[in-house]
Every structure is written in C-alpha cells, then in structure tokens.
C-alpha atoms as a PDB file:
ATOM      1  CA  UNK A   1      72.860 191.238 -75.133  1.00  0.00           C
ATOM      2  CA  UNK A   2      69.889 190.329 -75.806  1.00  0.00           C
ATOM      3  CA  UNK A   3      66.993 187.725 -74.310  1.00  0.00           C
ATOM      4  CA  UNK A   4      63.510 186.838 -74.015  1.00  0.00           C
ATOM      5  CA  UNK A   5      62.775 186.737 -70.978  1.00  0.00           C
ATOM      6  CA  UNK A   6      59.627 184.999 -71.095  1.00  0.00           C
ATOM      7  CA  UNK A   7      61.706 182.258 -73.307  1.00  0.00           C
ATOM      8  CA  UNK A   8      64.429 182.391 -70.568  1.00  0.00           C
ATOM      9  CA  UNK A   9      61.794 181.517 -67.297  1.00  0.00           C
ATOM     10  CA  UNK A  10      60.159 178.567 -69.536  1.00  0.00           C
ATOM     11  CA  UNK A  11      63.644 176.927 -70.119  1.00  0.00           C
ATOM     12  CA  UNK A  12      65.166 178.595 -67.493  1.00  0.00           C
ATOM     13  CA  UNK A  13      68.383 179.644 -70.295  1.00  0.00           C
ATOM     14  CA  UNK A  14      69.843 181.562 -71.479  1.00  0.00           C
ATOM     15  CA  UNK A  15      69.685 183.394 -74.479  1.00  0.00           C
ATOM     16  CA  UNK A  16      72.131 185.356 -76.157  1.00  0.00           C
ATOM     17  CA  UNK A  17      72.434 188.282 -78.720  1.00  0.00           C
ATOM     18  CA  UNK A  18      76.317 188.715 -79.674  1.00  0.00           C
ATOM     19  CA  UNK A  19      76.890 192.124 -81.686  1.00  0.00           C
ATOM     20  CA  UNK A  20      78.283 191.955 -84.854  1.00  0.00           C
ATOM     21  CA  UNK A  21      79.492 194.751 -87.161  1.00  0.00           C
ATOM     22  CA  UNK A  22      78.065 194.265 -91.502  1.00  0.00           C
ATOM     23  CA  UNK A  23      80.761 193.672 -93.370  1.00  0.00           C
ATOM     24  CA  UNK A  24      78.793 193.466 -96.653  1.00  0.00           C
ATOM     25  CA  UNK A  25      75.464 192.527 -97.766  1.00  0.00           C
ATOM     26  CA  UNK A  26      73.273 191.114-101.025  1.00  0.00           C
ATOM     27  CA  UNK A  27      69.948 189.465-100.869  1.00  0.00           C
ATOM     28  CA  UNK A  28      69.100 187.913 -97.706  1.00  0.00           C
ATOM     29  CA  UNK A  29      72.657 187.448 -96.309  1.00  0.00           C
ATOM     30  CA  UNK A  30      75.369 189.596 -94.924  1.00  0.00           C
ATOM     31  CA  UNK A  31      78.948 189.448 -94.093  1.00  0.00           C
ATOM     32  CA  UNK A  32      79.344 190.238 -89.959  1.00  0.00           C
ATOM     33  CA  UNK A  33      82.153 190.673 -88.671  1.00  0.00           C
ATOM     34  CA  UNK A  34      83.389 190.457 -84.544  1.00  0.00           C
ATOM     35  CA  UNK A  35      87.003 189.639 -83.101  1.00  0.00           C
ATOM     36  CA  UNK A  36      88.532 189.227 -86.455  1.00  0.00           C
ATOM     37  CA  UNK A  37      86.124 186.068 -87.575  1.00  0.00           C
ATOM     38  CA  UNK A  38      83.912 186.808 -90.558  1.00  0.00           C
ATOM     39  CA  UNK A  39      81.270 185.056 -90.584  1.00  0.00           C
ATOM     40  CA  UNK A  40      78.069 184.986 -93.488  1.00  0.00           C
ATOM     41  CA  UNK A  41      74.333 185.922 -91.615  1.00  0.00           C
ATOM     42  CA  UNK A  42      70.793 185.957 -92.390  1.00  0.00           C
ATOM     43  CA  UNK A  43      69.533 189.095 -92.480  1.00  0.00           C
ATOM     44  CA  UNK A  44      66.352 187.726 -93.805  1.00  0.00           C
ATOM     45  CA  UNK A  45      64.332 189.640 -90.063  1.00  0.00           C
ATOM     46  CA  UNK A  46      66.550 192.687 -90.683  1.00  0.00           C
ATOM     47  CA  UNK A  47      66.724 193.988 -94.398  1.00  0.00           C
ATOM     48  CA  UNK A  48      67.151 197.689 -93.538  1.00  0.00           C
ATOM     49  CA  UNK A  49      70.194 197.084 -92.369  1.00  0.00           C
ATOM     50  CA  UNK A  50      73.374 199.083 -94.198  1.00  0.00           C
ATOM     51  CA  UNK A  51      77.085 197.980 -93.817  1.00  0.00           C
ATOM     52  CA  UNK A  52      78.551 199.488 -90.912  1.00  0.00           C
ATOM     53  CA  UNK A  53      75.494 198.647 -88.769  1.00  0.00           C
ATOM     54  CA  UNK A  54      76.192 196.397 -85.666  1.00  0.00           C
ATOM     55  CA  UNK A  55      73.334 194.002 -85.098  1.00  0.00           C
ATOM     56  CA  UNK A  56      72.475 191.616 -82.952  1.00  0.00           C
ATOM     57  CA  UNK A  57      73.605 187.897 -84.036  1.00  0.00           C
ATOM     58  CA  UNK A  58      71.306 184.912 -82.505  1.00  0.00           C
ATOM     59  CA  UNK A  59      72.132 181.618 -84.005  1.00  0.00           C
ATOM     60  CA  UNK A  60      73.131 182.619 -87.294  1.00  0.00           C
ATOM     61  CA  UNK A  61      70.489 185.432 -88.084  1.00  0.00           C
ATOM     62  CA  UNK A  62      70.207 189.515 -87.695  1.00  0.00           C
ATOM     63  CA  UNK A  63      67.709 189.515 -85.362  1.00  0.00           C
ATOM     64  CA  UNK A  64      67.968 193.772 -84.708  1.00  0.00           C
ATOM     65  CA  UNK A  65      69.930 196.272 -85.604  1.00  0.00           C
ATOM     66  CA  UNK A  66      71.879 198.385 -82.538  1.00  0.00           C
ATOM     67  CA  UNK A  67      73.568 201.842 -82.621  1.00  0.00           C
ATOM     68  CA  UNK A  68      77.430 201.526 -82.576  1.00  0.00           C
ATOM     69  CA  UNK A  69      78.491 203.267 -79.240  1.00  0.00           C
ATOM     70  CA  UNK A  70      75.751 200.363 -77.543  1.00  0.00           C
ATOM     71  CA  UNK A  71      77.332 197.234 -79.576  1.00  0.00           C
ATOM     72  CA  UNK A  72      81.052 198.291 -78.619  1.00  0.00           C
ATOM     73  CA  UNK A  73      79.684 198.535 -74.968  1.00  0.00           C
ATOM     74  CA  UNK A  74      78.069 194.765 -74.892  1.00  0.00           C
ATOM     75  CA  UNK A  75      81.861 193.671 -76.711  1.00  0.00           C
ATOM     76  CA  UNK A  76      83.908 195.081 -74.149  1.00  0.00           C
ATOM     77  CA  UNK A  77      81.918 193.727 -71.383  1.00  0.00           C
ATOM     78  CA  UNK A  78      81.667 190.750 -72.594  1.00  0.00           C
ATOM     79  CA  UNK A  79      85.998 190.808 -73.178  1.00  0.00           C
ATOM     80  CA  UNK A  80      85.641 191.167 -69.478  1.00  0.00           C
ATOM     81  CA  UNK A  81      83.537 187.863 -68.905  1.00  0.00           C
ATOM     82  CA  UNK A  82      86.448 186.505 -70.940  1.00  0.00           C
ATOM     83  CA  UNK A  83      88.756 187.842 -69.229  1.00  0.00           C
ATOM     84  CA  UNK A  84      87.744 187.052 -65.875  1.00  0.00           C
ATOM     85  CA  UNK A  85      86.443 183.363 -66.720  1.00  0.00           C
ATOM     86  CA  UNK A  86      90.517 182.723 -68.055  1.00  0.00           C
ATOM     87  CA  UNK A  87      91.707 184.327 -64.635  1.00  0.00           C
ATOM     88  CA  UNK A  88      89.992 181.537 -62.525  1.00  0.00           C
ATOM     89  CA  UNK A  89      91.141 178.505 -64.687  1.00  0.00           C
END
C-alpha cells in the first residue's frame, strides 16, 4: 500500500493505493484486474508497465509498479482486513 505521509499528516486522512494486475494495455490505458473485477485505468504515470505486471492503483491512475511477491502479500493482508471487519459486524 502506498501513502504520502506528508499528505496524510496535512489532511489527517489515509491515502490508499491497491495493487492490481495488468491484463492488457493500449496507449495510456490498461485493463487491470483485482479479485475478478476488471477496470480500465490510466498508465500515463507508468508508461513502462508491461502486461502481467502489478501496479499500484490510486484514483484510477497506476502510480507505480510493484513486484509480484509484494503485490500478493499486500492483497493477502487486505483480504485479512476485510475478513476481520466482516467478523465484527
């Protein structure tokens, strides 16, 4: 997950970027997938991304490329958070 610490301190909010896998790309756009959900996102900030790469997605923009192991670990942690949240309902 990615957050600008300076921005978070200034606004007292948390910024979140979620790792998604690139399925295809064309120009400045890429189709991505997370948990079976596909979305078209901008790769204008990460033009070097390749199909199969994982990118950090924030507000519709791929803001960075992450390695597969880090992406999978982050997704696992996010799933655990969801599970714990549902258990406390």
